[in-house]
C-alpha atoms as a PDB file:
ATOM      1  CA  MET A   1      17.694   7.686  -7.689  1.00  0.00           C
ATOM      2  CA  GLU A   2      16.932   7.256  -3.732  1.00  0.00           C
ATOM      3  CA  ASN A   3      18.379   4.116  -3.257  1.00  0.00           C
ATOM      4  CA  CYS A   4      21.088   2.884  -5.574  1.00  0.00           C
ATOM      5  CA  PHE A   5      19.993  -0.805  -3.872  1.00  0.00           C
ATOM      6  CA  ILE A   6      16.752  -1.290  -4.787  1.00  0.00           C
ATOM      7  CA  GLU A   7      17.132   0.918  -7.980  1.00  0.00           C
ATOM      8  CA  SER A   8      19.879  -1.926  -8.919  1.00  0.00           C
ATOM      9  CA  PHE A   9      17.499  -4.803  -7.943  1.00  0.00           C
ATOM     10  CA  ASN A  10      14.768  -3.417  -9.404  1.00  0.00           C
ATOM     11  CA  GLY A  11      16.607  -3.097 -13.125  1.00  0.00           C
ATOM     12  CA  ARG A  12      17.251  -6.602 -12.626  1.00  0.00           C
ATOM     13  CA  PHE A  13      14.357  -8.134 -11.467  1.00  0.00           C
ATOM     14  CA  ARG A  14      13.043  -6.264 -14.207  1.00  0.00           C
ATOM     15  CA  ASP A  15      15.621  -7.460 -17.127  1.00  0.00           C
ATOM     16  CA  GLU A  16      16.160 -10.632 -16.615  1.00  0.00           C
ATOM     17  CA  CYS A  17      12.659 -11.936 -14.932  1.00  0.00           C
ATOM     18  CA  LEU A  18       9.577  -9.328 -16.213  1.00  0.00           C
ATOM     19  CA  ASN A  19      10.622  -8.525 -19.131  1.00  0.00           C
ATOM     20  CA  GLU A  20      11.465 -12.176 -20.202  1.00  0.00           C
ATOM     21  CA  ASN A  21       8.258 -13.884 -19.665  1.00  0.00           C
ATOM     22  CA  TRP A  22       5.408 -13.713 -20.569  1.00  0.00           C
ATOM     23  CA  PHE A  23       2.149 -13.978 -17.401  1.00  0.00           C
ATOM     24  CA  ILE A  24      -0.611 -15.784 -19.205  1.00  0.00           C
ATOM     25  CA  ASN A  25      -2.424 -15.381 -15.807  1.00  0.00           C
ATOM     26  CA  LEU A  26      -1.452 -14.266 -11.947  1.00  0.00           C
ATOM     27  CA  GLU A  27      -0.556 -17.281 -10.727  1.00  0.00           C
ATOM     28  CA  LYS A  28       1.653 -18.117 -13.449  1.00  0.00           C
ATOM     29  CA  ALA A  29       2.903 -15.065 -12.828  1.00  0.00           C
ATOM     30  CA  LYS A  30       3.226 -15.481  -9.046  1.00  0.00           C
ATOM     31  CA  GLU A  31       4.842 -18.838  -9.838  1.00  0.00           C
ATOM     32  CA  ILE A  32       7.401 -17.964 -12.322  1.00  0.00           C
ATOM     33  CA  ILE A  33       8.817 -14.705 -10.014  1.00  0.00           C
ATOM     34  CA  GLU A  34       8.823 -16.976  -7.458  1.00  0.00           C
ATOM     35  CA  LEU A  35      11.118 -19.234  -9.354  1.00  0.00           C
ATOM     36  CA  TRP A  36      12.851 -16.502  -9.399  1.00  0.00           C
ATOM     37  CA  ARG A  37      13.204 -14.569  -6.459  1.00  0.00           C
ATOM     38  CA  GLU A  38      14.595 -18.610  -4.861  1.00  0.00           C
ATOM     39  CA  ASP A  39      17.243 -18.543  -8.029  1.00  0.00           C
ATOM     40  CA  TYR A  40      18.303 -14.762  -7.121  1.00  0.00           C
ATOM     41  CA  ASN A  41      18.295 -15.642  -3.383  1.00  0.00           C
ATOM     42  CA  THR A  42      20.416 -18.706  -2.699  1.00  0.00           C
ATOM     43  CA  ALA A  43      21.923 -20.023  -6.391  1.00  0.00           C
ATOM     44  CA  ARG A  44      23.486 -16.487  -7.260  1.00  0.00           C
ATOM     45  CA  PRO A  45      26.341 -15.019  -5.308  1.00  0.00           C
ATOM     46  CA  HIS A  46      26.295 -10.898  -5.226  1.00  0.00           C
ATOM     47  CA  SER A  47      29.443  -8.743  -4.677  1.00  0.00           C
ATOM     48  CA  SER A  48      28.011  -6.178  -1.830  1.00  0.00           C
ATOM     49  CA  LEU A  49      28.055 -10.127  -0.183  1.00  0.00           C
ATOM     50  CA  ASN A  50      31.093 -10.709  -1.070  1.00  0.00           C
ATOM     51  CA  ASN A  51      30.846 -13.027  -3.383  1.00  0.00           C
ATOM     52  CA  LEU A  52      28.125 -15.073  -1.308  1.00  0.00           C
ATOM     53  CA  THR A  53      24.485 -15.871  -2.071  1.00  0.00           C
ATOM     54  CA  PRO A  54      22.093 -13.989   0.450  1.00  0.00           C
ATOM     55  CA  SER A  55      21.062 -17.162   2.378  1.00  0.00           C
ATOM     56  CA  GLU A  56      25.056 -18.228   2.745  1.00  0.00           C
ATOM     57  CA  PHE A  57      25.619 -14.612   3.957  1.00  0.00           C
ATOM     58  CA  VAL A  58      22.577 -15.235   6.675  1.00  0.00           C
ATOM     59  CA  GLU A  59      24.439 -18.568   7.711  1.00  0.00           C
ATOM     60  CA  GLN A  60      27.696 -17.221   7.845  1.00  0.00           C
ATOM     61  CA  HIS A  61      26.731 -14.055  10.424  1.00  0.00           C
ATOM     62  CA  ARG A  62      24.503 -16.295  12.006  1.00  0.00           C
ATOM     63  CA  LEU A  63      27.474 -18.263  13.387  1.00  0.00           C
ATOM     64  CA  LYS A  64      29.395 -15.329  13.595  1.00  0.00           C
ATOM     65  CA  HIS A  65      26.475 -14.365  15.961  1.00  0.00           C
ATOM     66  CA  LYS A  66      25.491 -17.087  17.774  1.00  0.00           C
ATOM     67  CA  THR A  67      25.663 -16.772  21.599  1.00  0.00           C
END
């Protein structure tokens, strides 16, 4: 295990997206994966980010470091 964050993400992605969906073709796979990615980054809080979503964390960081 090289990077525990990547390993955790890979496991979550596999369990929640890849194992839960049947991909008929590449276009459908891209669509389903993009929907999962959007949900993961905008709607779901992450404990490693003080229970903020990644998009909230980025916005908070920008506001703190605005010059």
